[in-house]
N, C-alpha and C. Protein backbone atom coordinates (compact mmCIF):
# COMPACT_ATOMS: atom_id res chain seq x y z
N UNK A 1 -2.47 9.03 25.08
CA UNK A 1 -2.39 7.68 24.57
C UNK A 1 -3.79 7.07 24.55
N UNK A 2 -4.13 6.46 23.45
CA UNK A 2 -5.45 5.88 23.29
C UNK A 2 -5.52 4.50 23.94
N UNK A 3 -6.59 4.28 24.69
CA UNK A 3 -6.76 3.01 25.39
C UNK A 3 -7.61 2.07 24.54
N UNK A 4 -7.11 0.85 24.33
CA UNK A 4 -7.85 -0.13 23.52
C UNK A 4 -8.89 -0.85 24.36
N UNK A 5 -10.00 -1.17 23.73
CA UNK A 5 -11.04 -1.96 24.40
C UNK A 5 -10.59 -3.41 24.48
N UNK A 6 -10.83 -4.03 25.62
CA UNK A 6 -10.47 -5.43 25.82
C UNK A 6 -11.76 -6.25 25.79
N UNK A 7 -11.75 -7.33 25.00
CA UNK A 7 -12.96 -8.15 24.89
C UNK A 7 -13.17 -8.93 26.19
N UNK A 8 -14.41 -9.27 26.50
CA UNK A 8 -14.70 -9.97 27.77
C UNK A 8 -13.98 -11.31 27.92
N UNK A 9 -13.75 -12.00 26.80
CA UNK A 9 -13.03 -13.28 26.88
C UNK A 9 -11.60 -13.08 27.35
N UNK A 10 -10.97 -12.02 26.89
CA UNK A 10 -9.59 -11.71 27.31
C UNK A 10 -9.56 -11.28 28.78
N UNK A 11 -10.58 -10.53 29.21
CA UNK A 11 -10.66 -10.13 30.62
C UNK A 11 -10.80 -11.36 31.50
N UNK A 12 -11.62 -12.32 31.08
CA UNK A 12 -11.79 -13.56 31.85
C UNK A 12 -10.48 -14.34 31.90
N UNK A 13 -9.74 -14.38 30.78
CA UNK A 13 -8.45 -15.08 30.75
C UNK A 13 -7.45 -14.42 31.69
N UNK A 14 -7.42 -13.08 31.70
CA UNK A 14 -6.50 -12.36 32.58
C UNK A 14 -6.87 -12.57 34.05
N UNK A 15 -8.16 -12.59 34.35
CA UNK A 15 -8.59 -12.83 35.72
C UNK A 15 -8.21 -14.25 36.18
N UNK A 16 -8.34 -15.22 35.28
CA UNK A 16 -7.92 -16.58 35.60
C UNK A 16 -6.42 -16.66 35.84
N UNK A 17 -5.66 -15.97 35.03
CA UNK A 17 -4.21 -15.93 35.20
C UNK A 17 -3.84 -15.30 36.53
N UNK A 18 -4.54 -14.23 36.90
CA UNK A 18 -4.30 -13.58 38.18
C UNK A 18 -4.65 -14.52 39.33
N UNK A 19 -5.74 -15.28 39.20
CA UNK A 19 -6.15 -16.21 40.25
C UNK A 19 -5.07 -17.29 40.47
N UNK A 20 -4.54 -17.84 39.37
CA UNK A 20 -3.51 -18.87 39.51
C UNK A 20 -2.23 -18.28 40.09
N UNK A 21 -1.92 -17.02 39.77
CA UNK A 21 -0.74 -16.37 40.34
C UNK A 21 -0.88 -16.20 41.85
N UNK A 22 -2.04 -15.75 42.29
CA UNK A 22 -2.29 -15.60 43.72
C UNK A 22 -2.24 -16.96 44.41
N UNK A 23 -2.79 -17.99 43.77
CA UNK A 23 -2.78 -19.35 44.32
C UNK A 23 -1.34 -19.81 44.56
N UNK A 24 -0.47 -19.62 43.58
CA UNK A 24 0.93 -20.05 43.72
C UNK A 24 1.64 -19.25 44.81
N UNK A 25 1.41 -17.97 44.87
CA UNK A 25 2.04 -17.15 45.91
C UNK A 25 1.61 -17.59 47.30
N UNK A 26 0.33 -17.86 47.48
CA UNK A 26 -0.18 -18.26 48.80
C UNK A 26 0.37 -19.62 49.21
N UNK A 27 0.34 -20.63 48.31
CA UNK A 27 0.81 -21.95 48.74
C UNK A 27 2.31 -21.96 48.97
N UNK A 28 3.05 -21.14 48.23
CA UNK A 28 4.49 -21.07 48.48
C UNK A 28 4.81 -20.29 49.74
N UNK A 29 3.99 -19.31 50.08
CA UNK A 29 4.16 -18.60 51.35
C UNK A 29 3.89 -19.53 52.52
N UNK A 30 2.86 -20.36 52.41
CA UNK A 30 2.58 -21.35 53.45
C UNK A 30 3.75 -22.33 53.58
N UNK A 31 4.32 -22.71 52.46
CA UNK A 31 5.46 -23.64 52.47
C UNK A 31 6.67 -23.01 53.15
N UNK A 32 6.88 -21.71 52.96
CA UNK A 32 8.00 -21.03 53.60
C UNK A 32 7.77 -20.89 55.10
N UNK A 33 6.53 -20.60 55.49
CA UNK A 33 6.23 -20.39 56.91
C UNK A 33 6.23 -21.70 57.70
N UNK A 34 5.70 -22.77 57.13
CA UNK A 34 5.61 -24.07 57.82
C UNK A 34 6.43 -25.08 57.04
N UNK A 35 7.68 -25.24 57.45
CA UNK A 35 8.56 -26.14 56.71
C UNK A 35 8.41 -27.58 57.21
N UNK A 36 7.68 -28.36 56.43
CA UNK A 36 7.67 -29.80 56.63
C UNK A 36 7.43 -30.45 55.27
N UNK A 37 7.47 -31.75 55.22
CA UNK A 37 7.41 -32.43 53.92
C UNK A 37 6.04 -32.29 53.27
N UNK A 38 4.98 -32.19 54.05
CA UNK A 38 3.64 -32.11 53.49
C UNK A 38 3.41 -30.75 52.82
N UNK A 39 3.80 -29.67 53.46
CA UNK A 39 3.61 -28.36 52.84
C UNK A 39 4.52 -28.20 51.62
N UNK A 40 5.70 -28.80 51.67
CA UNK A 40 6.59 -28.76 50.50
C UNK A 40 5.98 -29.52 49.33
N UNK A 41 5.38 -30.66 49.61
CA UNK A 41 4.75 -31.47 48.57
C UNK A 41 3.55 -30.73 47.97
N UNK A 42 2.71 -30.15 48.82
CA UNK A 42 1.53 -29.43 48.33
C UNK A 42 1.96 -28.22 47.50
N UNK A 43 2.98 -27.50 47.94
CA UNK A 43 3.46 -26.33 47.19
C UNK A 43 4.03 -26.74 45.84
N UNK A 44 4.78 -27.84 45.81
CA UNK A 44 5.37 -28.29 44.56
C UNK A 44 4.31 -28.74 43.57
N UNK A 45 3.38 -29.57 44.03
CA UNK A 45 2.32 -30.08 43.14
C UNK A 45 1.41 -28.94 42.71
N UNK A 46 1.05 -28.05 43.62
CA UNK A 46 0.20 -26.92 43.28
C UNK A 46 0.84 -25.97 42.28
N UNK A 47 2.12 -25.73 42.42
CA UNK A 47 2.83 -24.86 41.49
C UNK A 47 2.91 -25.49 40.11
N UNK A 48 3.19 -26.79 40.05
CA UNK A 48 3.26 -27.48 38.76
C UNK A 48 1.89 -27.49 38.08
N UNK A 49 0.83 -27.74 38.86
CA UNK A 49 -0.51 -27.75 38.28
C UNK A 49 -0.92 -26.37 37.77
N UNK A 50 -0.61 -25.32 38.53
CA UNK A 50 -0.94 -23.97 38.09
C UNK A 50 -0.17 -23.61 36.82
N UNK A 51 1.08 -24.01 36.73
CA UNK A 51 1.87 -23.77 35.53
C UNK A 51 1.27 -24.51 34.34
N UNK A 52 0.83 -25.75 34.55
CA UNK A 52 0.17 -26.52 33.48
C UNK A 52 -1.10 -25.81 33.02
N UNK A 53 -1.91 -25.33 33.97
CA UNK A 53 -3.17 -24.67 33.61
C UNK A 53 -2.91 -23.41 32.79
N UNK A 54 -1.90 -22.63 33.17
CA UNK A 54 -1.63 -21.37 32.49
C UNK A 54 -0.99 -21.60 31.13
N UNK A 55 0.02 -22.47 31.07
CA UNK A 55 0.80 -22.63 29.84
C UNK A 55 0.12 -23.55 28.84
N UNK A 56 -0.48 -24.63 29.30
CA UNK A 56 -1.01 -25.63 28.37
C UNK A 56 -2.53 -25.55 28.25
N UNK A 57 -3.25 -25.74 29.32
CA UNK A 57 -4.70 -25.93 29.25
C UNK A 57 -5.46 -24.67 28.85
N UNK A 58 -5.18 -23.55 29.45
CA UNK A 58 -5.92 -22.32 29.19
C UNK A 58 -5.34 -21.48 28.05
N UNK A 59 -4.36 -21.98 27.33
CA UNK A 59 -3.73 -21.24 26.25
C UNK A 59 -4.36 -21.64 24.91
N UNK A 60 -5.08 -20.72 24.26
CA UNK A 60 -5.74 -21.08 23.00
C UNK A 60 -4.79 -21.33 21.84
N UNK A 61 -3.52 -20.94 21.97
CA UNK A 61 -2.55 -21.15 20.89
C UNK A 61 -1.78 -22.46 21.03
N UNK A 62 -2.00 -23.20 22.11
CA UNK A 62 -1.27 -24.44 22.35
C UNK A 62 -2.09 -25.62 21.87
N UNK A 63 -1.55 -26.41 20.96
CA UNK A 63 -2.29 -27.55 20.40
C UNK A 63 -2.46 -28.69 21.40
N UNK A 64 -1.74 -28.66 22.52
CA UNK A 64 -1.92 -29.69 23.54
C UNK A 64 -3.07 -29.35 24.49
N UNK A 65 -3.69 -28.18 24.28
CA UNK A 65 -4.79 -27.75 25.14
C UNK A 65 -6.04 -28.57 24.85
N UNK A 66 -6.52 -29.29 25.86
CA UNK A 66 -7.74 -30.09 25.70
C UNK A 66 -8.97 -29.20 25.69
N UNK A 67 -8.83 -27.98 26.11
CA UNK A 67 -9.95 -27.04 26.14
C UNK A 67 -10.27 -26.51 24.74
N UNK A 68 -9.26 -26.33 23.90
CA UNK A 68 -9.44 -25.74 22.58
C UNK A 68 -9.20 -26.69 21.42
N UNK A 69 -8.52 -27.82 21.65
CA UNK A 69 -8.19 -28.75 20.57
C UNK A 69 -8.57 -30.17 20.98
N UNK A 70 -8.90 -31.01 19.98
CA UNK A 70 -9.18 -32.42 20.29
C UNK A 70 -7.86 -33.18 20.34
N UNK A 71 -7.93 -34.50 20.51
CA UNK A 71 -6.72 -35.29 20.69
C UNK A 71 -5.87 -35.36 19.43
N UNK A 72 -6.43 -35.04 18.26
CA UNK A 72 -5.66 -35.02 17.01
C UNK A 72 -4.97 -33.69 16.77
N UNK A 73 -5.34 -32.67 17.54
CA UNK A 73 -4.77 -31.34 17.34
C UNK A 73 -5.64 -30.45 16.48
N UNK A 74 -6.90 -30.88 16.23
CA UNK A 74 -7.84 -30.06 15.45
C UNK A 74 -8.63 -29.18 16.40
N UNK A 75 -8.93 -27.95 15.92
CA UNK A 75 -9.70 -27.03 16.76
C UNK A 75 -11.08 -27.58 17.06
N UNK A 76 -11.52 -27.36 18.30
CA UNK A 76 -12.86 -27.76 18.71
C UNK A 76 -13.81 -26.61 18.42
N UNK A 77 -14.88 -26.90 17.72
CA UNK A 77 -15.89 -25.88 17.43
C UNK A 77 -16.94 -25.91 18.52
N UNK A 78 -17.07 -24.80 19.25
CA UNK A 78 -18.04 -24.74 20.34
C UNK A 78 -19.25 -23.96 19.94
């Protein structure tokens, strides 16, 4: 099977996705180990923020992404 070359931008995106995945796993593990309202709040907010970063902000195909589109939904030329 032939292996395709991955561009550096895609590698950086995958590494960022992996970082957010590890972040969510760690904060939820802390929430399971230490059950109180503060760890539950931090785990909930952290999970929601990581989901926002992965699905909306870092997604080049999402028009709500402030990283790739302006407030009108037009692509930003960098």
